[in-house]
PDB file of N, CA and C in Angstrom:
ATOM      1  N   MET A   1      20.262 114.585 129.073  1.00  0.00           N
ATOM      2  CA  MET A   1      20.448 113.147 129.016  1.00  0.00           C
ATOM      3  C   MET A   1      19.407 112.469 129.887  1.00  0.00           C
ATOM      4  N   LYS A   2      18.783 111.454 129.355  1.00  0.00           N
ATOM      5  CA  LYS A   2      17.877 110.656 130.164  1.00  0.00           C
ATOM      6  C   LYS A   2      18.713 109.746 131.051  1.00  0.00           C
ATOM      7  N   GLN A   3      18.334 109.660 132.315  1.00  0.00           N
ATOM      8  CA  GLN A   3      19.158 108.952 133.290  1.00  0.00           C
ATOM      9  C   GLN A   3      19.312 107.468 133.006  1.00  0.00           C
ATOM     10  N   HIS A   4      18.346 106.839 132.381  1.00  0.00           N
ATOM     11  CA  HIS A   4      18.418 105.390 132.228  1.00  0.00           C
ATOM     12  C   HIS A   4      18.763 104.964 130.812  1.00  0.00           C
ATOM     13  N   THR A   5      19.344 105.873 130.047  1.00  0.00           N
ATOM     14  CA  THR A   5      19.942 105.497 128.782  1.00  0.00           C
ATOM     15  C   THR A   5      21.433 105.386 129.043  1.00  0.00           C
ATOM     16  N   LEU A   6      22.169 104.997 128.075  1.00  0.00           N
ATOM     17  CA  LEU A   6      23.619 104.853 128.226  1.00  0.00           C
ATOM     18  C   LEU A   6      23.965 103.886 129.356  1.00  0.00           C
ATOM     19  N   MET A   7      23.380 102.703 129.304  1.00  0.00           N
ATOM     20  CA  MET A   7      23.595 101.696 130.348  1.00  0.00           C
ATOM     21  C   MET A   7      24.659 100.686 129.925  1.00  0.00           C
ATOM     22  N   PHE A   8      25.363 100.143 130.915  1.00  0.00           N
ATOM     23  CA  PHE A   8      26.367  99.114 130.684  1.00  0.00           C
ATOM     24  C   PHE A   8      26.198  97.997 131.710  1.00  0.00           C
ATOM     25  N   ARG A   9      26.972  96.923 131.547  1.00  0.00           N
ATOM     26  CA  ARG A   9      26.905  95.780 132.458  1.00  0.00           C
ATOM     27  C   ARG A   9      27.214  96.247 133.879  1.00  0.00           C
ATOM     28  N   PRO A  10      26.361  95.913 134.848  1.00  0.00           N
ATOM     29  CA  PRO A  10      26.487  96.456 136.207  1.00  0.00           C
ATOM     30  C   PRO A  10      27.788  96.086 136.917  1.00  0.00           C
ATOM     31  N   LEU A  11      28.205  97.007 137.761  1.00  0.00           N
ATOM     32  CA  LEU A  11      29.321  96.796 138.681  1.00  0.00           C
ATOM     33  C   LEU A  11      28.820  97.066 140.090  1.00  0.00           C
ATOM     34  N   GLY A  12      29.191  96.210 141.025  1.00  0.00           N
ATOM     35  CA  GLY A  12      28.920  96.470 142.435  1.00  0.00           C
ATOM     36  C   GLY A  12      30.177  97.058 143.047  1.00  0.00           C
ATOM     37  N   LEU A  13      30.043  98.169 143.727  1.00  0.00           N
ATOM     38  CA  LEU A  13      31.192  98.844 144.331  1.00  0.00           C
ATOM     39  C   LEU A  13      31.028  98.873 145.842  1.00  0.00           C
ATOM     40  N   ALA A  14      31.982  98.292 146.548  1.00  0.00           N
ATOM     41  CA  ALA A  14      31.970  98.272 148.015  1.00  0.00           C
ATOM     42  C   ALA A  14      33.007  99.266 148.507  1.00  0.00           C
ATOM     43  N   MET A  15      32.529 100.297 149.187  1.00  0.00           N
ATOM     44  CA  MET A  15      33.415 101.354 149.663  1.00  0.00           C
ATOM     45  C   MET A  15      33.438 101.329 151.186  1.00  0.00           C
ATOM     46  N   PRO A  16      34.262 100.450 151.768  1.00  0.00           N
ATOM     47  CA  PRO A  16      34.235 100.253 153.218  1.00  0.00           C
ATOM     48  C   PRO A  16      34.611 101.494 154.013  1.00  0.00           C
ATOM     49  N   CYS A  17      35.443 102.353 153.466  1.00  0.00           N
ATOM     50  CA  CYS A  17      35.866 103.534 154.233  1.00  0.00           C
ATOM     51  C   CYS A  17      34.712 104.501 154.475  1.00  0.00           C
ATOM     52  N   ILE A  18      33.652 104.441 153.640  1.00  0.00           N
ATOM     53  CA  ILE A  18      32.475 105.280 153.887  1.00  0.00           C
ATOM     54  C   ILE A  18      31.234 104.434 154.135  1.00  0.00           C
ATOM     55  N   GLY A  19      31.416 103.106 154.219  1.00  0.00           N
ATOM     56  CA  GLY A  19      30.325 102.211 154.584  1.00  0.00           C
ATOM     57  C   GLY A  19      29.195 102.122 153.584  1.00  0.00           C
ATOM     58  N   GLU A  20      29.517 102.176 152.299  1.00  0.00           N
ATOM     59  CA  GLU A  20      28.481 102.108 151.279  1.00  0.00           C
ATOM     60  C   GLU A  20      28.760 101.010 150.271  1.00  0.00           C
ATOM     61  N   TYR A  21      27.689 100.505 149.699  1.00  0.00           N
ATOM     62  CA  TYR A  21      27.747  99.572 148.582  1.00  0.00           C
ATOM     63  C   TYR A  21      26.813 100.122 147.519  1.00  0.00           C
ATOM     64  N   ARG A  22      27.297 100.270 146.307  1.00  0.00           N
ATOM     65  CA  ARG A  22      26.484 100.836 145.233  1.00  0.00           C
ATOM     66  C   ARG A  22      26.572  99.952 143.998  1.00  0.00           C
ATOM     67  N   VAL A  23      25.463  99.861 143.274  1.00  0.00           N
ATOM     68  CA  VAL A  23      25.441  99.188 141.977  1.00  0.00           C
ATOM     69  C   VAL A  23      25.422 100.279 140.918  1.00  0.00           C
ATOM     70  N   VAL A  24      26.397 100.222 140.024  1.00  0.00           N
ATOM     71  CA  VAL A  24      26.537 101.222 138.967  1.00  0.00           C
ATOM     72  C   VAL A  24      26.321 100.519 137.633  1.00  0.00           C
ATOM     73  N   ASN A  25      25.345 101.014 136.852  1.00  0.00           N
ATOM     74  CA  ASN A  25      25.038 100.361 135.578  1.00  0.00           C
ATOM     75  C   ASN A  25      24.751 101.343 134.446  1.00  0.00           C
ATOM     76  N   SER A  26      25.080 102.618 134.656  1.00  0.00           N
ATOM     77  CA  SER A  26      24.850 103.611 133.608  1.00  0.00           C
ATOM     78  C   SER A  26      25.839 104.758 133.773  1.00  0.00           C
ATOM     79  N   VAL A  27      25.921 105.566 132.734  1.00  0.00           N
ATOM     80  CA  VAL A  27      26.781 106.747 132.816  1.00  0.00           C
ATOM     81  C   VAL A  27      26.292 107.661 133.936  1.00  0.00           C
ATOM     82  N   HIS A  28      24.994 107.825 134.051  1.00  0.00           N
ATOM     83  CA  HIS A  28      24.438 108.682 135.112  1.00  0.00           C
ATOM     84  C   HIS A  28      24.811 108.161 136.498  1.00  0.00           C
ATOM     85  N   SER A  29      24.643 106.854 136.727  1.00  0.00           N
ATOM     86  CA  SER A  29      24.973 106.322 138.054  1.00  0.00           C
ATOM     87  C   SER A  29      26.479 106.361 138.310  1.00  0.00           C
ATOM     88  N   ALA A  30      27.293 106.200 137.260  1.00  0.00           N
ATOM     89  CA  ALA A  30      28.743 106.306 137.428  1.00  0.00           C
ATOM     90  C   ALA A  30      29.131 107.731 137.818  1.00  0.00           C
ATOM     91  N   ALA A  31      28.579 108.719 137.105  1.00  0.00           N
ATOM     92  CA  ALA A  31      28.899 110.118 137.406  1.00  0.00           C
ATOM     93  C   ALA A  31      28.432 110.498 138.808  1.00  0.00           C
ATOM     94  N   THR A  32      27.228 110.087 139.170  1.00  0.00           N
ATOM     95  CA  THR A  32      26.702 110.390 140.505  1.00  0.00           C
ATOM     96  C   THR A  32      27.573 109.768 141.586  1.00  0.00           C
ATOM     97  N   THR A  33      27.959 108.517 141.386  1.00  0.00           N
ATOM     98  CA  THR A  33      28.805 107.830 142.360  1.00  0.00           C
ATOM     99  C   THR A  33      30.149 108.528 142.496  1.00  0.00           C
ATOM    100  N   LEU A  34      30.763 108.861 141.368  1.00  0.00           N
ATOM    101  CA  LEU A  34      32.070 109.523 141.410  1.00  0.00           C
ATOM    102  C   LEU A  34      31.999 110.900 142.064  1.00  0.00           C
ATOM    103  N   LEU A  35      30.980 111.661 141.752  1.00  0.00           N
ATOM    104  CA  LEU A  35      30.910 113.040 142.234  1.00  0.00           C
ATOM    105  C   LEU A  35      30.336 113.190 143.638  1.00  0.00           C
ATOM    106  N   GLN A  36      29.489 112.248 144.059  1.00  0.00           N
ATOM    107  CA  GLN A  36      28.819 112.414 145.349  1.00  0.00           C
ATOM    108  C   GLN A  36      29.175 111.364 146.399  1.00  0.00           C
ATOM    109  N   HIS A  37      29.681 110.213 145.976  1.00  0.00           N
ATOM    110  CA  HIS A  37      29.861 109.118 146.933  1.00  0.00           C
ATOM    111  C   HIS A  37      31.267 108.518 146.933  1.00  0.00           C
ATOM    112  N   TRP A  38      32.157 109.048 146.125  1.00  0.00           N
ATOM    113  CA  TRP A  38      33.481 108.444 145.997  1.00  0.00           C
ATOM    114  C   TRP A  38      34.298 108.743 147.241  1.00  0.00           C
ATOM    115  N   PRO A  39      35.107 107.784 147.716  1.00  0.00           N
ATOM    116  CA  PRO A  39      35.849 107.990 148.966  1.00  0.00           C
ATOM    117  C   PRO A  39      36.988 109.007 148.863  1.00  0.00           C
ATOM    118  N   VAL A  40      37.465 109.277 147.662  1.00  0.00           N
ATOM    119  CA  VAL A  40      38.519 110.285 147.469  1.00  0.00           C
ATOM    120  C   VAL A  40      38.117 111.180 146.302  1.00  0.00           C
ATOM    121  N   ASP A  41      38.614 112.390 146.297  1.00  0.00           N
ATOM    122  CA  ASP A  41      38.247 113.302 145.212  1.00  0.00           C
ATOM    123  C   ASP A  41      39.459 113.778 144.421  1.00  0.00           C
ATOM    124  N   ASP A  42      40.446 112.911 144.320  1.00  0.00           N
ATOM    125  CA  ASP A  42      41.590 113.229 143.485  1.00  0.00           C
ATOM    126  C   ASP A  42      42.140 111.942 142.894  1.00  0.00           C
ATOM    127  N   GLY A  43      43.145 112.079 142.092  1.00  0.00           N
ATOM    128  CA  GLY A  43      43.753 110.931 141.443  1.00  0.00           C
ATOM    129  C   GLY A  43      43.534 110.981 139.941  1.00  0.00           C
ATOM    130  N   GLU A  44      44.516 110.507 139.218  1.00  0.00           N
ATOM    131  CA  GLU A  44      44.471 110.532 137.756  1.00  0.00           C
ATOM    132  C   GLU A  44      43.331 109.677 137.204  1.00  0.00           C
ATOM    133  N   ASP A  45      43.153 108.480 137.754  1.00  0.00           N
ATOM    134  CA  ASP A  45      42.089 107.597 137.262  1.00  0.00           C
ATOM    135  C   ASP A  45      40.706 108.120 137.649  1.00  0.00           C
ATOM    136  N   PHE A  46      40.593 108.747 138.796  1.00  0.00           N
ATOM    137  CA  PHE A  46      39.341 109.384 139.204  1.00  0.00           C
ATOM    138  C   PHE A  46      38.956 110.461 138.190  1.00  0.00           C
ATOM    139  N   ALA A  47      39.904 111.332 137.858  1.00  0.00           N
ATOM    140  CA  ALA A  47      39.638 112.404 136.892  1.00  0.00           C
ATOM    141  C   ALA A  47      39.301 111.837 135.520  1.00  0.00           C
ATOM    142  N   ASP A  48      40.013 110.793 135.100  1.00  0.00           N
ATOM    143  CA  ASP A  48      39.737 110.176 133.802  1.00  0.00           C
ATOM    144  C   ASP A  48      38.329 109.584 133.765  1.00  0.00           C
ATOM    145  N   ALA A  49      37.881 109.010 134.870  1.00  0.00           N
ATOM    146  CA  ALA A  49      36.532 108.434 134.917  1.00  0.00           C
ATOM    147  C   ALA A  49      35.466 109.519 134.785  1.00  0.00           C
ATOM    148  N   ILE A  50      35.680 110.653 135.419  1.00  0.00           N
ATOM    149  CA  ILE A  50      34.729 111.762 135.286  1.00  0.00           C
ATOM    150  C   ILE A  50      34.707 112.279 133.851  1.00  0.00           C
ATOM    151  N   ILE A  51      35.880 112.424 133.250  1.00  0.00           N
ATOM    152  CA  ILE A  51      35.956 112.873 131.856  1.00  0.00           C
ATOM    153  C   ILE A  51      35.273 111.871 130.937  1.00  0.00           C
ATOM    154  N   ALA A  52      35.459 110.576 131.195  1.00  0.00           N
ATOM    155  CA  ALA A  52      34.806 109.546 130.378  1.00  0.00           C
ATOM    156  C   ALA A  52      33.288 109.667 130.470  1.00  0.00           C
ATOM    157  N   CYS A  53      32.777 109.937 131.659  1.00  0.00           N
ATOM    158  CA  CYS A  53      31.324 110.126 131.821  1.00  0.00           C
ATOM    159  C   CYS A  53      30.841 111.312 130.994  1.00  0.00           C
ATOM    160  N   LEU A  54      31.546 112.426 131.083  1.00  0.00           N
ATOM    161  CA  LEU A  54      31.162 113.611 130.308  1.00  0.00           C
ATOM    162  C   LEU A  54      31.238 113.339 128.810  1.00  0.00           C
ATOM    163  N   ASP A  55      32.301 112.675 128.378  1.00  0.00           N
ATOM    164  CA  ASP A  55      32.434 112.344 126.959  1.00  0.00           C
ATOM    165  C   ASP A  55      31.283 111.461 126.489  1.00  0.00           C
ATOM    166  N   ALA A  56      30.880 110.502 127.312  1.00  0.00           N
ATOM    167  CA  ALA A  56      29.771 109.610 126.942  1.00  0.00           C
ATOM    168  C   ALA A  56      28.458 110.380 126.842  1.00  0.00           C
ATOM    169  N   ILE A  57      28.237 111.311 127.745  1.00  0.00           N
ATOM    170  CA  ILE A  57      27.021 112.128 127.709  1.00  0.00           C
ATOM    171  C   ILE A  57      26.932 112.880 126.385  1.00  0.00           C
ATOM    172  N   TYR A  58      28.064 113.349 125.893  1.00  0.00           N
ATOM    173  CA  TYR A  58      28.097 114.100 124.637  1.00  0.00           C
ATOM    174  C   TYR A  58      28.335 113.209 123.416  1.00  0.00           C
ATOM    175  N   GLY A  59      28.290 111.898 123.614  1.00  0.00           N
ATOM    176  CA  GLY A  59      28.423 110.968 122.500  1.00  0.00           C
ATOM    177  C   GLY A  59      29.818 110.881 121.917  1.00  0.00           C
ATOM    178  N   GLN A  60      30.831 111.205 122.714  1.00  0.00           N
ATOM    179  CA  GLN A  60      32.199 111.233 122.218  1.00  0.00           C
ATOM    180  C   GLN A  60      33.043 110.049 122.668  1.00  0.00           C
ATOM    181  N   THR A  61      32.443 109.098 123.366  1.00  0.00           N
ATOM    182  CA  THR A  61      33.169 107.896 123.764  1.00  0.00           C
ATOM    183  C   THR A  61      32.179 106.760 123.949  1.00  0.00           C
ATOM    184  N   THR A  62      32.718 105.577 124.178  1.00  0.00           N
ATOM    185  CA  THR A  62      31.887 104.382 124.325  1.00  0.00           C
ATOM    186  C   THR A  62      31.537 104.129 125.787  1.00  0.00           C
ATOM    187  N   LEU A  63      30.498 103.341 125.973  1.00  0.00           N
ATOM    188  CA  LEU A  63      30.120 102.931 127.328  1.00  0.00           C
ATOM    189  C   LEU A  63      31.202 102.055 127.943  1.00  0.00           C
ATOM    190  N   GLU A  64      31.883 101.271 127.119  1.00  0.00           N
ATOM    191  CA  GLU A  64      32.958 100.418 127.631  1.00  0.00           C
ATOM    192  C   GLU A  64      34.099 101.264 128.200  1.00  0.00           C
ATOM    193  N   ARG A  65      34.374 102.420 127.589  1.00  0.00           N
ATOM    194  CA  ARG A  65      35.418 103.301 128.139  1.00  0.00           C
ATOM    195  C   ARG A  65      35.009 103.820 129.511  1.00  0.00           C
ATOM    196  N   VAL A  66      33.733 104.165 129.671  1.00  0.00           N
ATOM    197  CA  VAL A  66      33.251 104.631 130.978  1.00  0.00           C
ATOM    198  C   VAL A  66      33.425 103.531 132.013  1.00  0.00           C
ATOM    199  N   ARG A  67      32.989 102.332 131.664  1.00  0.00           N
ATOM    200  CA  ARG A  67      33.076 101.197 132.595  1.00  0.00           C
ATOM    201  C   ARG A  67      34.531 100.902 132.957  1.00  0.00           C
ATOM    202  N   SER A  68      35.405 100.885 131.945  1.00  0.00           N
ATOM    203  CA  SER A  68      36.830 100.620 132.183  1.00  0.00           C
ATOM    204  C   SER A  68      37.466 101.704 133.044  1.00  0.00           C
ATOM    205  N   ALA A  69      37.111 102.959 132.773  1.00  0.00           N
ATOM    206  CA  ALA A  69      37.651 104.066 133.571  1.00  0.00           C
ATOM    207  C   ALA A  69      37.180 103.966 135.014  1.00  0.00           C
ATOM    208  N   LEU A  70      35.928 103.566 135.206  1.00  0.00           N
ATOM    209  CA  LEU A  70      35.402 103.397 136.565  1.00  0.00           C
ATOM    210  C   LEU A  70      36.140 102.272 137.293  1.00  0.00           C
ATOM    211  N   LEU A  71      36.439 101.189 136.594  1.00  0.00           N
ATOM    212  CA  LEU A  71      37.204 100.092 137.200  1.00  0.00           C
ATOM    213  C   LEU A  71      38.600 100.559 137.616  1.00  0.00           C
ATOM    214  N   ARG A  72      39.256 101.341 136.773  1.00  0.00           N
ATOM    215  CA  ARG A  72      40.587 101.860 137.122  1.00  0.00           C
ATOM    216  C   ARG A  72      40.507 102.816 138.312  1.00  0.00           C
ATOM    217  N   ALA A  73      39.488 103.666 138.333  1.00  0.00           N
ATOM    218  CA  ALA A  73      39.313 104.589 139.461  1.00  0.00           C
ATOM    219  C   ALA A  73      39.060 103.818 140.751  1.00  0.00           C
ATOM    220  N   ALA A  74      38.303 102.734 140.655  1.00  0.00           N
ATOM    221  CA  ALA A  74      38.042 101.905 141.836  1.00  0.00           C
ATOM    222  C   ALA A  74      39.338 101.302 142.367  1.00  0.00           C
ATOM    223  N   ALA A  75      40.170 100.796 141.468  1.00  0.00           N
ATOM    224  CA  ALA A  75      41.453 100.228 141.896  1.00  0.00           C
ATOM    225  C   ALA A  75      42.311 101.303 142.560  1.00  0.00           C
ATOM    226  N   GLU A  76      42.325 102.488 141.979  1.00  0.00           N
ATOM    227  CA  GLU A  76      43.106 103.598 142.522  1.00  0.00           C
ATOM    228  C   GLU A  76      42.641 103.989 143.926  1.00  0.00           C
ATOM    229  N   ALA A  77      41.332 103.918 144.173  1.00  0.00           N
ATOM    230  CA  ALA A  77      40.757 104.341 145.458  1.00  0.00           C
ATOM    231  C   ALA A  77      40.559 103.181 146.432  1.00  0.00           C
ATOM    232  N   ASN A  78      41.062 101.996 146.090  1.00  0.00           N
ATOM    233  CA  ASN A  78      40.889 100.804 146.924  1.00  0.00           C
ATOM    234  C   ASN A  78      39.426 100.474 147.176  1.00  0.00           C
ATOM    235  N   VAL A  79      38.604 100.646 146.149  1.00  0.00           N
ATOM    236  CA  VAL A  79      37.191 100.285 146.205  1.00  0.00           C
ATOM    237  C   VAL A  79      37.061  98.875 145.637  1.00  0.00           C
ATOM    238  N   SER A  80      36.470  97.971 146.394  1.00  0.00           N
ATOM    239  CA  SER A  80      36.276  96.598 145.929  1.00  0.00           C
ATOM    240  C   SER A  80      35.183  96.562 144.873  1.00  0.00           C
ATOM    241  N   VAL A  81      35.383  95.709 143.863  1.00  0.00           N
ATOM    242  CA  VAL A  81      34.443  95.622 142.746  1.00  0.00           C
ATOM    243  C   VAL A  81      33.889  94.214 142.641  1.00  0.00           C
ATOM    244  N   LEU A  82      32.581  94.136 142.491  1.00  0.00           N
ATOM    245  CA  LEU A  82      31.906  92.886 142.168  1.00  0.00           C
ATOM    246  C   LEU A  82      31.335  93.043 140.774  1.00  0.00           C
ATOM    247  N   GLU A  83      31.644  92.102 139.896  1.00  0.00           N
ATOM    248  CA  GLU A  83      31.124  92.175 138.541  1.00  0.00           C
ATOM    249  C   GLU A  83      29.976  91.198 138.374  1.00  0.00           C
ATOM    250  N   VAL A  84      29.048  91.571 137.531  1.00  0.00           N
ATOM    251  CA  VAL A  84      27.921  90.701 137.224  1.00  0.00           C
ATOM    252  C   VAL A  84      28.308  89.864 136.018  1.00  0.00           C
ATOM    253  N   ALA A  85      28.119  88.563 136.140  1.00  0.00           N
ATOM    254  CA  ALA A  85      28.452  87.660 135.042  1.00  0.00           C
ATOM    255  C   ALA A  85      27.263  86.757 134.749  1.00  0.00           C
ATOM    256  N   PRO A  86      27.047  86.431 133.479  1.00  0.00           N
ATOM    257  CA  PRO A  86      25.945  85.525 133.160  1.00  0.00           C
ATOM    258  C   PRO A  86      26.230  84.115 133.664  1.00  0.00           C
ATOM    259  N   VAL A  87      25.196  83.437 134.082  1.00  0.00           N
ATOM    260  CA  VAL A  87      25.297  82.030 134.458  1.00  0.00           C
ATOM    261  C   VAL A  87      24.816  81.253 133.233  1.00  0.00           C
ATOM    262  N   PRO A  88      25.738  80.636 132.478  1.00  0.00           N
ATOM    263  CA  PRO A  88      25.374  80.065 131.182  1.00  0.00           C
ATOM    264  C   PRO A  88      24.211  79.080 131.219  1.00  0.00           C
ATOM    265  N   HIS A  89      24.175  78.207 132.187  1.00  0.00           N
ATOM    266  CA  HIS A  89      23.137  77.180 132.202  1.00  0.00           C
ATOM    267  C   HIS A  89      21.789  77.707 132.677  1.00  0.00           C
ATOM    268  N   LEU A  90      21.755  78.872 133.297  1.00  0.00           N
ATOM    269  CA  LEU A  90      20.501  79.432 133.789  1.00  0.00           C
ATOM    270  C   LEU A  90      20.043  80.651 132.997  1.00  0.00           C
ATOM    271  N   GLY A  91      20.959  81.256 132.244  1.00  0.00           N
ATOM    272  CA  GLY A  91      20.618  82.462 131.516  1.00  0.00           C
ATOM    273  C   GLY A  91      20.327  83.641 132.431  1.00  0.00           C
ATOM    274  N   GLN A  92      20.825  83.587 133.660  1.00  0.00           N
ATOM    275  CA  GLN A  92      20.598  84.653 134.626  1.00  0.00           C
ATOM    276  C   GLN A  92      21.920  85.329 134.948  1.00  0.00           C
ATOM    277  N   MET A  93      21.832  86.375 135.736  1.00  0.00           N
ATOM    278  CA  MET A  93      23.034  87.092 136.142  1.00  0.00           C
ATOM    279  C   MET A  93      23.304  86.807 137.617  1.00  0.00           C
ATOM    280  N   GLU A  94      24.562  86.738 137.976  1.00  0.00           N
ATOM    281  CA  GLU A  94      24.926  86.592 139.383  1.00  0.00           C
ATOM    282  C   GLU A  94      26.140  87.467 139.654  1.00  0.00           C
ATOM    283  N   MET A  95      26.294  87.848 140.894  1.00  0.00           N
ATOM    284  CA  MET A  95      27.440  88.660 141.273  1.00  0.00           C
ATOM    285  C   MET A  95      28.628  87.734 141.533  1.00  0.00           C
ATOM    286  N   VAL A  96      29.768  88.085 140.971  1.00  0.00           N
ATOM    287  CA  VAL A  96      30.988  87.330 141.211  1.00  0.00           C
ATOM    288  C   VAL A  96      32.079  88.314 141.615  1.00  0.00           C
ATOM    289  N   ALA A  97      32.936  87.884 142.499  1.00  0.00           N
ATOM    290  CA  ALA A  97      34.007  88.766 142.956  1.00  0.00           C
ATOM    291  C   ALA A  97      35.063  88.900 141.880  1.00  0.00           C
ATOM    292  N   ASN A  98      35.511  90.117 141.675  1.00  0.00           N
ATOM    293  CA  ASN A  98      36.612  90.393 140.770  1.00  0.00           C
ATOM    294  C   ASN A  98      37.842  90.571 141.641  1.00  0.00           C
ATOM    295  N   ILE A  99      38.673  89.565 141.685  1.00  0.00           N
ATOM    296  CA  ILE A  99      39.857  89.614 142.537  1.00  0.00           C
ATOM    297  C   ILE A  99      41.049  89.937 141.657  1.00  0.00           C
ATOM    298  N   ALA A 100      41.564  91.132 141.850  1.00  0.00           N
ATOM    299  CA  ALA A 100      42.699  91.558 141.030  1.00  0.00           C
ATOM    300  C   ALA A 100      43.783  92.110 141.913  1.00  0.00           C
TER     301      ALA A 100
END
């Protein structure tokens, strides 16, 4: 798999317990973040996110499933998420807090 294919709308992940902030915008960056930088290494949503990444690599699921699984894993691990949203009048992207 080429690392910069299989891209989706970016997510900013703030992981205060390990003092990191990461921008995830592809299956590769999601898998790397989950396997090497995630604050916990268990949980149902964590496992589902890893499986979603593998399924996407093999063309068996959508990028939206990977992104959604990553959001659920973040909620499970108490990782704060910032979503990128278009600014309609500027046609640019800006980070907005996802408060859930």
